[in-house]
Amino acid sequence: MSNYWLSEFRALNTDIKACFYCTEYQFTKLIPEVQDWFDHVENKFSRFLPNSELTSLNGSNGKPVLVSAAMLEVIELAEYYKKKTNGIFNPLILQALESAGYDRSYELFKHDCQLTKTPSMPESEHISIDSSMKTIRLWPGQKLDLGGIVKGWSVDRISVWLKDKWHINRGMINAGGDLIVWSDSSDIEPWKIEIRNPLNPKQGTERLTLYRGAIATSSVLGRQWKTSTGQMHHLIDPRTMLPSQSDIVQCTVIGSNTTDCEIAAKVVCILGSVEGPKWLMDQYPEVQSICYTSAGDKQLMGNPCLLK
C-alpha cells in the first residue's frame, strides 16, 4: 500500500530530506541508492576532500586531465551559466573563497580567520574543455568551486532517475534549500513550502503551494565568519573577488529546474535589488522570486498565485 515516507541524512555539507509517496518496499529499496548518489556526488565534487576528483583537477598544474562524464557535464554547465550571467556566476572563485577564510568545511570553523591577500581573477577566465576527448585543462591561477551548481544539478538528476526508473509519481528532494517537488495529479494536496523572513523568522513567512516545480535560496546570512578585517560570507562577487556587498541578503527563486533556480538566486543576491530583478525577469521571465534586503524590505516578483 502506498504512503508517504521520509528520510533525512547528511551529505554535500548540508542536510538532505527525501519524501516519496510509494510503497514501503519501494522506499526501503530506493533510499540507500538515493543516499549513495549524494555520497558519490560529494566524493567527486567536494573541494574539502583530498582525494576527490575536483581536488585532483584543481591541482593539475596546467595539464589536461581526463575527467568523468559527470565532471565534464557540470563544468560545461558552469560555463553555460557563466555566459548567461555575463560572468556574475563564475566557478573560478575558489582562491577568493580561501582568501576570505573559507578554506575548510564550514562546521570546522572555530576561531577568527586570518585573511590572506585578496586574489585577482585569473588572467584567463576561459576553461579549456575538450568534450570529444573528455579532458579539462585549468590554466595557471584557475581553481574551481562547484559547490552551489553541483547541489542543484544533483537534485535535478536524482529526481529524474526516481521518476523514470522507480516510477515515483509524487516526491520531494530537498538539499539544504535546493529542492524539487513533483506530482502526477492535481487531484491530491499540493506540496506546501514555507520561506521564512531571514531577518525576522517569526514574522513574514511566505507559503508556497506547488504540485511540481523547483526552489532554490541563496543567502549571505547562513554561512558567515569573523576575520581580522570584519565579517565575511561565502557569496563571492567575481567583479571584486570579495564577498558580495549588495543590499539583498536572501533571494529565493521558484521555477521548473533546480539548477536554474540555484544560479538565478545567487546572481540576484550579488547584483542587488535594482539590477537583480531586472536581470531575472529578462533571463527567466517564467520564474517567481522572493527577496529580502538588509533594510528589511521584501520584494516579490512573478506569479502571485504561487504565494499563499
C-alpha atoms as a PDB file:
ATOM      1  CA  MET A   1       0.000   0.000   0.000  1.00  0.00           C
ATOM      2  CA  SER A   2       1.349   3.414  -0.965  1.00  0.00           C
ATOM      3  CA  ASN A   3       2.013   6.024   1.716  1.00  0.00           C
ATOM      4  CA  TYR A   4       4.334   8.927   2.485  1.00  0.00           C
ATOM      5  CA  TRP A   5       7.853   8.043   3.586  1.00  0.00           C
ATOM      6  CA  LEU A   6      10.565  10.428   4.740  1.00  0.00           C
ATOM      7  CA  SER A   7      14.339  10.003   5.034  1.00  0.00           C
ATOM      8  CA  GLU A   8      16.813  12.584   6.367  1.00  0.00           C
ATOM      9  CA  PHE A   9      20.580  12.353   6.109  1.00  0.00           C
ATOM     10  CA  ARG A  10      23.717  14.447   5.737  1.00  0.00           C
ATOM     11  CA  ALA A  11      25.694  14.902   2.510  1.00  0.00           C
ATOM     12  CA  LEU A  12      27.249  17.708   0.435  1.00  0.00           C
ATOM     13  CA  ASN A  13      27.932  19.526   3.714  1.00  0.00           C
ATOM     14  CA  THR A  14      24.184  20.077   4.205  1.00  0.00           C
ATOM     15  CA  ASP A  15      21.002  18.389   5.427  1.00  0.00           C
ATOM     16  CA  ILE A  16      19.090  16.392   2.824  1.00  0.00           C
ATOM     17  CA  LYS A  17      15.445  15.338   3.012  1.00  0.00           C
ATOM     18  CA  ALA A  18      13.752  12.874   0.675  1.00  0.00           C
ATOM     19  CA  CYS A  19       9.990  12.331   0.836  1.00  0.00           C
ATOM     20  CA  PHE A  20       8.123   9.965  -1.513  1.00  0.00           C
ATOM     21  CA  TYR A  21       4.625   8.651  -1.962  1.00  0.00           C
ATOM     22  CA  CYS A  22       5.267   4.966  -2.617  1.00  0.00           C
ATOM     23  CA  THR A  23       5.105   1.513  -1.093  1.00  0.00           C
ATOM     24  CA  GLU A  24       7.269   0.584   1.874  1.00  0.00           C
ATOM     25  CA  TYR A  25       9.073  -1.935  -0.318  1.00  0.00           C
ATOM     26  CA  GLN A  26       9.976   0.752  -2.868  1.00  0.00           C
ATOM     27  CA  PHE A  27      11.139   3.099  -0.138  1.00  0.00           C
ATOM     28  CA  THR A  28      13.422   0.599   1.577  1.00  0.00           C
ATOM     29  CA  LYS A  29      14.998  -0.263  -1.773  1.00  0.00           C
ATOM     30  CA  LEU A  30      15.473   3.216  -3.203  1.00  0.00           C
ATOM     31  CA  ILE A  31      16.559   5.271  -0.175  1.00  0.00           C
ATOM     32  CA  PRO A  32      20.011   3.582   0.080  1.00  0.00           C
ATOM     33  CA  GLU A  33      20.501   4.369  -3.596  1.00  0.00           C
ATOM     34  CA  VAL A  34      19.488   7.995  -3.079  1.00  0.00           C
ATOM     35  CA  GLN A  35      21.979   8.273  -0.221  1.00  0.00           C
ATOM     36  CA  ASP A  36      24.655   6.580  -2.333  1.00  0.00           C
ATOM     37  CA  TRP A  37      24.013   9.114  -5.106  1.00  0.00           C
ATOM     38  CA  PHE A  38      24.632  12.114  -2.863  1.00  0.00           C
ATOM     39  CA  ASP A  39      27.664  10.440  -1.278  1.00  0.00           C
ATOM     40  CA  HIS A  40      29.001   9.777  -4.783  1.00  0.00           C
ATOM     41  CA  VAL A  41      28.478  13.417  -5.754  1.00  0.00           C
ATOM     42  CA  GLU A  42      30.245  14.635  -2.603  1.00  0.00           C
ATOM     43  CA  ASN A  43      33.192  12.290  -3.118  1.00  0.00           C
ATOM     44  CA  LYS A  44      33.573  13.551  -6.669  1.00  0.00           C
ATOM     45  CA  PHE A  45      32.948  17.301  -6.328  1.00  0.00           C
ATOM     46  CA  SER A  46      33.934  18.294  -2.776  1.00  0.00           C
ATOM     47  CA  ARG A  47      36.803  20.756  -2.571  1.00  0.00           C
ATOM     48  CA  PHE A  48      37.373  19.683   1.039  1.00  0.00           C
ATOM     49  CA  LEU A  49      38.168  16.021   0.328  1.00  0.00           C
ATOM     50  CA  PRO A  50      41.818  15.471  -0.612  1.00  0.00           C
ATOM     51  CA  ASN A  51      41.024  12.508  -2.876  1.00  0.00           C
ATOM     52  CA  SER A  52      38.033  13.989  -4.724  1.00  0.00           C
ATOM     53  CA  GLU A  53      38.108  14.365  -8.492  1.00  0.00           C
ATOM     54  CA  LEU A  54      37.716  18.127  -8.133  1.00  0.00           C
ATOM     55  CA  THR A  55      40.708  18.383  -5.776  1.00  0.00           C
ATOM     56  CA  SER A  56      42.789  16.420  -8.271  1.00  0.00           C
ATOM     57  CA  LEU A  57      41.652  18.668 -11.125  1.00  0.00           C
ATOM     58  CA  ASN A  58      42.413  21.848  -9.155  1.00  0.00           C
ATOM     59  CA  GLY A  59      45.936  20.533  -8.530  1.00  0.00           C
ATOM     60  CA  SER A  60      46.652  19.570 -12.127  1.00  0.00           C
ATOM     61  CA  ASN A  61      49.134  22.447 -12.706  1.00  0.00           C
ATOM     62  CA  GLY A  62      48.008  23.364 -16.204  1.00  0.00           C
ATOM     63  CA  LYS A  63      47.985  19.825 -17.564  1.00  0.00           C
ATOM     64  CA  PRO A  64      44.972  18.413 -19.435  1.00  0.00           C
ATOM     65  CA  VAL A  65      43.068  15.957 -17.241  1.00  0.00           C
ATOM     66  CA  LEU A  66      40.804  13.134 -18.339  1.00  0.00           C
ATOM     67  CA  VAL A  67      37.603  13.632 -16.341  1.00  0.00           C
ATOM     68  CA  SER A  68      34.464  11.638 -15.618  1.00  0.00           C
ATOM     69  CA  ALA A  69      31.281  12.175 -17.599  1.00  0.00           C
ATOM     70  CA  ALA A  70      29.690  13.817 -14.545  1.00  0.00           C
ATOM     71  CA  MET A  71      32.577  16.263 -14.078  1.00  0.00           C
ATOM     72  CA  LEU A  72      32.524  17.163 -17.754  1.00  0.00           C
ATOM     73  CA  GLU A  73      28.758  17.714 -17.644  1.00  0.00           C
ATOM     74  CA  VAL A  74      28.923  20.012 -14.609  1.00  0.00           C
ATOM     75  CA  ILE A  75      31.846  22.082 -15.904  1.00  0.00           C
ATOM     76  CA  GLU A  76      30.136  22.522 -19.282  1.00  0.00           C
ATOM     77  CA  LEU A  77      27.000  23.568 -17.391  1.00  0.00           C
ATOM     78  CA  ALA A  78      29.026  26.042 -15.316  1.00  0.00           C
ATOM     79  CA  GLU A  79      30.459  27.586 -18.468  1.00  0.00           C
ATOM     80  CA  TYR A  80      26.932  27.909 -19.890  1.00  0.00           C
ATOM     81  CA  TYR A  81      25.747  29.791 -16.803  1.00  0.00           C
ATOM     82  CA  LYS A  82      28.844  31.976 -16.764  1.00  0.00           C
ATOM     83  CA  LYS A  83      27.924  33.203 -20.252  1.00  0.00           C
ATOM     84  CA  LYS A  84      24.231  33.526 -19.417  1.00  0.00           C
ATOM     85  CA  THR A  85      25.000  35.691 -16.376  1.00  0.00           C
ATOM     86  CA  ASN A  86      27.748  37.774 -18.029  1.00  0.00           C
ATOM     87  CA  GLY A  87      30.238  36.366 -15.551  1.00  0.00           C
ATOM     88  CA  ILE A  88      28.309  37.155 -12.349  1.00  0.00           C
ATOM     89  CA  PHE A  89      28.205  33.417 -11.812  1.00  0.00           C
ATOM     90  CA  ASN A  90      31.780  32.221 -12.176  1.00  0.00           C
ATOM     91  CA  PRO A  91      33.144  28.862 -10.952  1.00  0.00           C
ATOM     92  CA  LEU A  92      36.710  30.259 -10.836  1.00  0.00           C
ATOM     93  CA  ILE A  93      36.350  31.895  -7.410  1.00  0.00           C
ATOM     94  CA  LEU A  94      37.868  29.223  -5.179  1.00  0.00           C
ATOM     95  CA  GLN A  95      41.000  31.246  -4.396  1.00  0.00           C
ATOM     96  CA  ALA A  96      38.795  34.177  -3.366  1.00  0.00           C
ATOM     97  CA  LEU A  97      36.815  31.922  -1.010  1.00  0.00           C
ATOM     98  CA  GLU A  98      40.002  30.565   0.516  1.00  0.00           C
ATOM     99  CA  SER A  99      41.497  34.039   0.861  1.00  0.00           C
ATOM    100  CA  ALA A 100      38.342  35.190   2.645  1.00  0.00           C
ATOM    101  CA  GLY A 101      38.887  32.385   5.162  1.00  0.00           C
ATOM    102  CA  TYR A 102      36.620  29.668   3.760  1.00  0.00           C
ATOM    103  CA  ASP A 103      39.409  27.131   3.374  1.00  0.00           C
ATOM    104  CA  ARG A 104      37.831  24.243   5.314  1.00  0.00           C
ATOM    105  CA  SER A 105      34.436  22.649   5.728  1.00  0.00           C
ATOM    106  CA  TYR A 106      32.122  25.148   7.415  1.00  0.00           C
ATOM    107  CA  GLU A 107      31.383  23.056  10.502  1.00  0.00           C
ATOM    108  CA  LEU A 108      35.129  23.131  11.300  1.00  0.00           C
ATOM    109  CA  PHE A 109      35.184  26.919  11.758  1.00  0.00           C
ATOM    110  CA  LYS A 110      36.139  27.526  15.405  1.00  0.00           C
ATOM    111  CA  HIS A 111      38.193  30.685  15.516  1.00  0.00           C
ATOM    112  CA  ASP A 112      38.548  34.001  13.751  1.00  0.00           C
ATOM    113  CA  CYS A 113      40.215  33.589  10.370  1.00  0.00           C
ATOM    114  CA  GLN A 114      43.341  35.386   9.289  1.00  0.00           C
ATOM    115  CA  LEU A 115      42.955  36.763   5.792  1.00  0.00           C
ATOM    116  CA  THR A 116      45.487  36.368   3.042  1.00  0.00           C
ATOM    117  CA  LYS A 117      45.950  38.732   0.104  1.00  0.00           C
ATOM    118  CA  THR A 118      42.786  39.207  -1.921  1.00  0.00           C
ATOM    119  CA  PRO A 119      43.280  37.351  -5.215  1.00  0.00           C
ATOM    120  CA  SER A 120      42.501  38.767  -8.606  1.00  0.00           C
ATOM    121  CA  MET A 121      40.549  36.845 -11.216  1.00  0.00           C
ATOM    122  CA  PRO A 122      42.913  34.521 -13.147  1.00  0.00           C
ATOM    123  CA  GLU A 123      44.447  36.047 -16.260  1.00  0.00           C
ATOM    124  CA  SER A 124      42.440  33.607 -18.345  1.00  0.00           C
ATOM    125  CA  GLU A 125      38.781  33.110 -17.463  1.00  0.00           C
ATOM    126  CA  HIS A 126      38.444  30.548 -20.238  1.00  0.00           C
ATOM    127  CA  ILE A 127      38.423  26.919 -19.110  1.00  0.00           C
ATOM    128  CA  SER A 128      39.808  24.657 -21.824  1.00  0.00           C
ATOM    129  CA  ILE A 129      37.222  21.928 -22.430  1.00  0.00           C
ATOM    130  CA  ASP A 130      37.652  19.143 -24.972  1.00  0.00           C
ATOM    131  CA  SER A 131      34.295  17.379 -24.929  1.00  0.00           C
ATOM    132  CA  SER A 132      35.282  14.766 -27.507  1.00  0.00           C
ATOM    133  CA  MET A 133      38.351  13.703 -25.519  1.00  0.00           C
ATOM    134  CA  LYS A 134      36.639  14.309 -22.137  1.00  0.00           C
ATOM    135  CA  THR A 135      39.532  16.423 -20.920  1.00  0.00           C
ATOM    136  CA  ILE A 136      39.691  19.657 -18.920  1.00  0.00           C
ATOM    137  CA  ARG A 137      42.696  21.958 -18.692  1.00  0.00           C
ATOM    138  CA  LEU A 138      42.817  24.532 -15.915  1.00  0.00           C
ATOM    139  CA  TRP A 139      45.317  27.261 -16.668  1.00  0.00           C
ATOM    140  CA  PRO A 140      47.689  28.757 -14.053  1.00  0.00           C
ATOM    141  CA  GLY A 141      45.713  30.616 -11.399  1.00  0.00           C
ATOM    142  CA  GLN A 142      42.458  28.782 -12.126  1.00  0.00           C
ATOM    143  CA  LYS A 143      40.775  26.842  -9.303  1.00  0.00           C
ATOM    144  CA  LEU A 144      37.170  25.689  -9.399  1.00  0.00           C
ATOM    145  CA  ASP A 145      34.482  25.823  -6.751  1.00  0.00           C
ATOM    146  CA  LEU A 146      31.406  23.893  -7.943  1.00  0.00           C
ATOM    147  CA  GLY A 147      29.517  23.575  -4.656  1.00  0.00           C
ATOM    148  CA  GLY A 148      26.370  25.543  -5.472  1.00  0.00           C
ATOM    149  CA  ILE A 149      25.821  24.363  -9.016  1.00  0.00           C
ATOM    150  CA  VAL A 150      26.516  20.736  -8.058  1.00  0.00           C
ATOM    151  CA  LYS A 151      23.863  20.845  -5.346  1.00  0.00           C
ATOM    152  CA  GLY A 152      21.171  21.972  -7.791  1.00  0.00           C
ATOM    153  CA  TRP A 153      22.369  19.616 -10.511  1.00  0.00           C
ATOM    154  CA  SER A 154      22.406  16.600  -8.192  1.00  0.00           C
ATOM    155  CA  VAL A 155      18.815  17.276  -7.087  1.00  0.00           C
ATOM    156  CA  ASP A 156      17.638  17.568 -10.696  1.00  0.00           C
ATOM    157  CA  ARG A 157      19.432  14.396 -11.736  1.00  0.00           C
ATOM    158  CA  ILE A 158      18.168  12.198  -8.897  1.00  0.00           C
ATOM    159  CA  SER A 159      14.575  13.388  -9.328  1.00  0.00           C
ATOM    160  CA  VAL A 160      14.612  12.366 -12.995  1.00  0.00           C
ATOM    161  CA  TRP A 161      16.047   8.960 -12.038  1.00  0.00           C
ATOM    162  CA  LEU A 162      13.373   8.429  -9.388  1.00  0.00           C
ATOM    163  CA  LYS A 163      10.587   9.225 -11.837  1.00  0.00           C
ATOM    164  CA  ASP A 164      11.987   7.258 -14.770  1.00  0.00           C
ATOM    165  CA  LYS A 165      13.411   4.163 -13.062  1.00  0.00           C
ATOM    166  CA  TRP A 166      11.298   3.801  -9.930  1.00  0.00           C
ATOM    167  CA  HIS A 167       8.139   5.441 -11.270  1.00  0.00           C
ATOM    168  CA  ILE A 168       7.833   7.603  -8.168  1.00  0.00           C
ATOM    169  CA  ASN A 169       4.966   9.826  -9.250  1.00  0.00           C
ATOM    170  CA  ARG A 170       4.940  12.085  -6.193  1.00  0.00           C
ATOM    171  CA  GLY A 171       8.022  13.135  -4.310  1.00  0.00           C
ATOM    172  CA  MET A 172      10.293  15.798  -2.886  1.00  0.00           C
ATOM    173  CA  ILE A 173      14.078  16.167  -2.637  1.00  0.00           C
ATOM    174  CA  ASN A 174      15.469  18.995  -0.515  1.00  0.00           C
ATOM    175  CA  ALA A 175      19.239  19.504  -0.365  1.00  0.00           C
ATOM    176  CA  GLY A 176      19.813  22.393   2.006  1.00  0.00           C
ATOM    177  CA  GLY A 177      17.157  24.600   0.435  1.00  0.00           C
ATOM    178  CA  ASP A 178      17.670  23.486  -3.159  1.00  0.00           C
ATOM    179  CA  LEU A 179      14.559  21.417  -3.685  1.00  0.00           C
ATOM    180  CA  ILE A 180      12.305  19.912  -6.289  1.00  0.00           C
ATOM    181  CA  VAL A 181       8.778  18.556  -5.924  1.00  0.00           C
ATOM    182  CA  TRP A 182       6.650  16.652  -8.379  1.00  0.00           C
ATOM    183  CA  SER A 183       3.198  15.125  -8.601  1.00  0.00           C
ATOM    184  CA  ASP A 184       1.391  13.414 -11.457  1.00  0.00           C
ATOM    185  CA  SER A 185      -2.063  14.511 -10.327  1.00  0.00           C
ATOM    186  CA  SER A 186      -3.729  17.739  -9.277  1.00  0.00           C
ATOM    187  CA  ASP A 187      -6.467  15.752  -7.506  1.00  0.00           C
ATOM    188  CA  ILE A 188      -4.357  15.460  -4.348  1.00  0.00           C
ATOM    189  CA  GLU A 189      -2.922  18.049  -1.986  1.00  0.00           C
ATOM    190  CA  PRO A 190      -0.111  20.186  -3.400  1.00  0.00           C
ATOM    191  CA  TRP A 191       3.257  20.393  -1.698  1.00  0.00           C
ATOM    192  CA  LYS A 192       3.396  23.226   0.822  1.00  0.00           C
ATOM    193  CA  ILE A 193       6.683  25.028   1.369  1.00  0.00           C
ATOM    194  CA  GLU A 194       7.474  27.901   3.706  1.00  0.00           C
ATOM    195  CA  ILE A 195      10.046  30.626   3.022  1.00  0.00           C
ATOM    196  CA  ARG A 196      10.927  32.461   6.224  1.00  0.00           C
ATOM    197  CA  ASN A 197      11.997  36.056   6.553  1.00  0.00           C
ATOM    198  CA  PRO A 198      15.714  35.668   7.426  1.00  0.00           C
ATOM    199  CA  LEU A 199      15.784  38.875   9.457  1.00  0.00           C
ATOM    200  CA  ASN A 200      12.633  38.034  11.408  1.00  0.00           C
ATOM    201  CA  PRO A 201      11.879  34.287  11.199  1.00  0.00           C
ATOM    202  CA  LYS A 202       8.794  34.582  13.413  1.00  0.00           C
ATOM    203  CA  GLN A 203       7.069  37.011  11.068  1.00  0.00           C
ATOM    204  CA  GLY A 204       6.504  37.408   7.353  1.00  0.00           C
ATOM    205  CA  THR A 205       6.628  33.735   6.333  1.00  0.00           C
ATOM    206  CA  GLU A 206       5.687  33.180   2.677  1.00  0.00           C
ATOM    207  CA  ARG A 207       3.734  29.993   1.986  1.00  0.00           C
ATOM    208  CA  LEU A 208       4.083  28.373  -1.419  1.00  0.00           C
ATOM    209  CA  THR A 209       1.828  25.690  -2.853  1.00  0.00           C
ATOM    210  CA  LEU A 210       3.271  23.641  -5.701  1.00  0.00           C
ATOM    211  CA  TYR A 211       2.225  20.474  -7.497  1.00  0.00           C
ATOM    212  CA  ARG A 212       5.532  20.433  -9.326  1.00  0.00           C
ATOM    213  CA  GLY A 213       8.494  22.767  -9.541  1.00  0.00           C
ATOM    214  CA  ALA A 214      11.864  23.723  -8.110  1.00  0.00           C
ATOM    215  CA  ILE A 215      13.006  26.188  -5.467  1.00  0.00           C
ATOM    216  CA  ALA A 216      16.454  27.437  -4.501  1.00  0.00           C
ATOM    217  CA  THR A 217      17.537  30.002  -1.933  1.00  0.00           C
ATOM    218  CA  SER A 218      20.783  31.931  -1.798  1.00  0.00           C
ATOM    219  CA  SER A 219      21.703  33.914   1.310  1.00  0.00           C
ATOM    220  CA  VAL A 220      24.647  35.782   2.772  1.00  0.00           C
ATOM    221  CA  LEU A 221      23.387  35.126   6.308  1.00  0.00           C
ATOM    222  CA  GLY A 222      23.714  31.371   6.650  1.00  0.00           C
ATOM    223  CA  ARG A 223      27.467  30.958   6.302  1.00  0.00           C
ATOM    224  CA  GLN A 224      29.275  33.854   7.925  1.00  0.00           C
ATOM    225  CA  TRP A 225      32.502  34.032   9.871  1.00  0.00           C
ATOM    226  CA  LYS A 226      34.678  36.625  11.564  1.00  0.00           C
ATOM    227  CA  THR A 227      38.055  37.651  10.216  1.00  0.00           C
ATOM    228  CA  SER A 228      40.763  40.104  11.171  1.00  0.00           C
ATOM    229  CA  THR A 229      39.142  42.659   8.854  1.00  0.00           C
ATOM    230  CA  GLY A 230      35.493  42.041   9.669  1.00  0.00           C
ATOM    231  CA  GLN A 231      32.580  39.740   8.897  1.00  0.00           C
ATOM    232  CA  MET A 232      32.767  37.554   5.789  1.00  0.00           C
ATOM    233  CA  HIS A 233      30.347  35.282   3.944  1.00  0.00           C
ATOM    234  CA  HIS A 234      30.569  32.709   1.157  1.00  0.00           C
ATOM    235  CA  LEU A 235      28.876  34.585  -1.710  1.00  0.00           C
ATOM    236  CA  ILE A 236      31.778  35.913  -3.798  1.00  0.00           C
ATOM    237  CA  ASP A 237      31.261  38.727  -6.297  1.00  0.00           C
ATOM    238  CA  PRO A 238      33.592  37.893  -9.250  1.00  0.00           C
ATOM    239  CA  ARG A 239      33.863  41.597 -10.099  1.00  0.00           C
ATOM    240  CA  THR A 240      35.677  42.299  -6.827  1.00  0.00           C
ATOM    241  CA  MET A 241      36.709  38.776  -5.753  1.00  0.00           C
ATOM    242  CA  LEU A 242      35.321  39.675  -2.328  1.00  0.00           C
ATOM    243  CA  PRO A 243      32.114  38.682  -0.524  1.00  0.00           C
ATOM    244  CA  SER A 244      29.147  40.435  -2.120  1.00  0.00           C
ATOM    245  CA  GLN A 245      28.201  43.819  -0.684  1.00  0.00           C
ATOM    246  CA  SER A 246      24.772  44.164  -2.320  1.00  0.00           C
ATOM    247  CA  ASP A 247      21.673  45.091  -0.337  1.00  0.00           C
ATOM    248  CA  ILE A 248      19.953  41.722  -0.915  1.00  0.00           C
ATOM    249  CA  VAL A 249      20.652  39.315   1.930  1.00  0.00           C
ATOM    250  CA  GLN A 250      18.457  36.452   0.693  1.00  0.00           C
ATOM    251  CA  CYS A 251      16.802  35.505  -2.584  1.00  0.00           C
ATOM    252  CA  THR A 252      14.513  32.553  -3.271  1.00  0.00           C
ATOM    253  CA  VAL A 253      13.673  31.635  -6.869  1.00  0.00           C
ATOM    254  CA  ILE A 254      10.795  29.353  -7.854  1.00  0.00           C
ATOM    255  CA  GLY A 255      10.885  27.723 -11.292  1.00  0.00           C
ATOM    256  CA  SER A 256      10.940  24.367 -13.029  1.00  0.00           C
ATOM    257  CA  ASN A 257      14.643  23.479 -12.786  1.00  0.00           C
ATOM    258  CA  THR A 258      16.625  23.427  -9.537  1.00  0.00           C
ATOM    259  CA  THR A 259      19.935  24.339 -11.161  1.00  0.00           C
ATOM    260  CA  ASP A 260      18.413  27.352 -12.924  1.00  0.00           C
ATOM    261  CA  CYS A 261      16.888  28.476  -9.622  1.00  0.00           C
ATOM    262  CA  GLU A 262      20.179  27.997  -7.739  1.00  0.00           C
ATOM    263  CA  ILE A 263      22.187  30.095 -10.189  1.00  0.00           C
ATOM    264  CA  ALA A 264      19.486  32.757 -10.541  1.00  0.00           C
ATOM    265  CA  ALA A 265      19.134  33.206  -6.771  1.00  0.00           C
ATOM    266  CA  LYS A 266      22.888  33.633  -6.380  1.00  0.00           C
ATOM    267  CA  VAL A 267      23.137  36.152  -9.215  1.00  0.00           C
ATOM    268  CA  VAL A 268      20.257  38.260  -7.861  1.00  0.00           C
ATOM    269  CA  CYS A 269      21.912  38.339  -4.430  1.00  0.00           C
ATOM    270  CA  ILE A 270      25.146  39.606  -5.977  1.00  0.00           C
ATOM    271  CA  LEU A 271      23.539  42.167  -8.300  1.00  0.00           C
ATOM    272  CA  GLY A 272      21.288  43.706  -5.646  1.00  0.00           C
ATOM    273  CA  SER A 273      17.723  44.988  -5.512  1.00  0.00           C
ATOM    274  CA  VAL A 274      17.969  47.281  -8.553  1.00  0.00           C
ATOM    275  CA  GLU A 275      19.919  45.265 -11.137  1.00  0.00           C
ATOM    276  CA  GLY A 276      18.969  41.812  -9.836  1.00  0.00           C
ATOM    277  CA  PRO A 277      15.219  41.832 -10.540  1.00  0.00           C
ATOM    278  CA  LYS A 278      15.771  43.351 -13.985  1.00  0.00           C
ATOM    279  CA  TRP A 279      18.244  40.632 -14.899  1.00  0.00           C
ATOM    280  CA  LEU A 280      15.998  37.891 -13.517  1.00  0.00           C
ATOM    281  CA  MET A 281      12.902  38.969 -15.420  1.00  0.00           C
ATOM    282  CA  ASP A 282      14.929  39.365 -18.605  1.00  0.00           C
ATOM    283  CA  GLN A 283      16.591  35.947 -18.404  1.00  0.00           C
ATOM    284  CA  TYR A 284      13.882  33.940 -16.606  1.00  0.00           C
ATOM    285  CA  PRO A 285      10.502  35.650 -17.172  1.00  0.00           C
ATOM    286  CA  GLU A 286       8.645  32.486 -16.169  1.00  0.00           C
ATOM    287  CA  VAL A 287      10.027  32.255 -12.608  1.00  0.00           C
ATOM    288  CA  GLN A 288       8.920  33.787  -9.331  1.00  0.00           C
ATOM    289  CA  SER A 289      11.163  35.188  -6.620  1.00  0.00           C
ATOM    290  CA  ILE A 290      11.129  36.426  -3.035  1.00  0.00           C
ATOM    291  CA  CYS A 291      13.977  38.711  -1.964  1.00  0.00           C
ATOM    292  CA  TYR A 292      14.812  40.302   1.375  1.00  0.00           C
ATOM    293  CA  THR A 293      17.097  43.323   1.736  1.00  0.00           C
ATOM    294  CA  SER A 294      19.363  44.341   4.585  1.00  0.00           C
ATOM    295  CA  ALA A 295      16.875  47.122   5.366  1.00  0.00           C
ATOM    296  CA  GLY A 296      14.167  44.535   5.996  1.00  0.00           C
ATOM    297  CA  ASP A 297      12.255  45.153   2.774  1.00  0.00           C
ATOM    298  CA  LYS A 298      10.687  42.286   0.820  1.00  0.00           C
ATOM    299  CA  GLN A 299      10.414  42.104  -2.967  1.00  0.00           C
ATOM    300  CA  LEU A 300       8.019  39.715  -4.706  1.00  0.00           C
ATOM    301  CA  MET A 301       8.267  39.130  -8.450  1.00  0.00           C
ATOM    302  CA  GLY A 302       6.400  36.855 -10.815  1.00  0.00           C
ATOM    303  CA  ASN A 303       3.173  34.914 -10.447  1.00  0.00           C
ATOM    304  CA  PRO A 304       1.461  35.885  -7.146  1.00  0.00           C
ATOM    305  CA  CYS A 305      -0.777  32.792  -7.324  1.00  0.00           C
ATOM    306  CA  LEU A 306       2.101  30.686  -6.010  1.00  0.00           C
ATOM    307  CA  LEU A 307       2.326  32.726  -2.833  1.00  0.00           C
ATOM    308  CA  LYS A 308      -0.446  31.781  -0.402  1.00  0.00           C
END
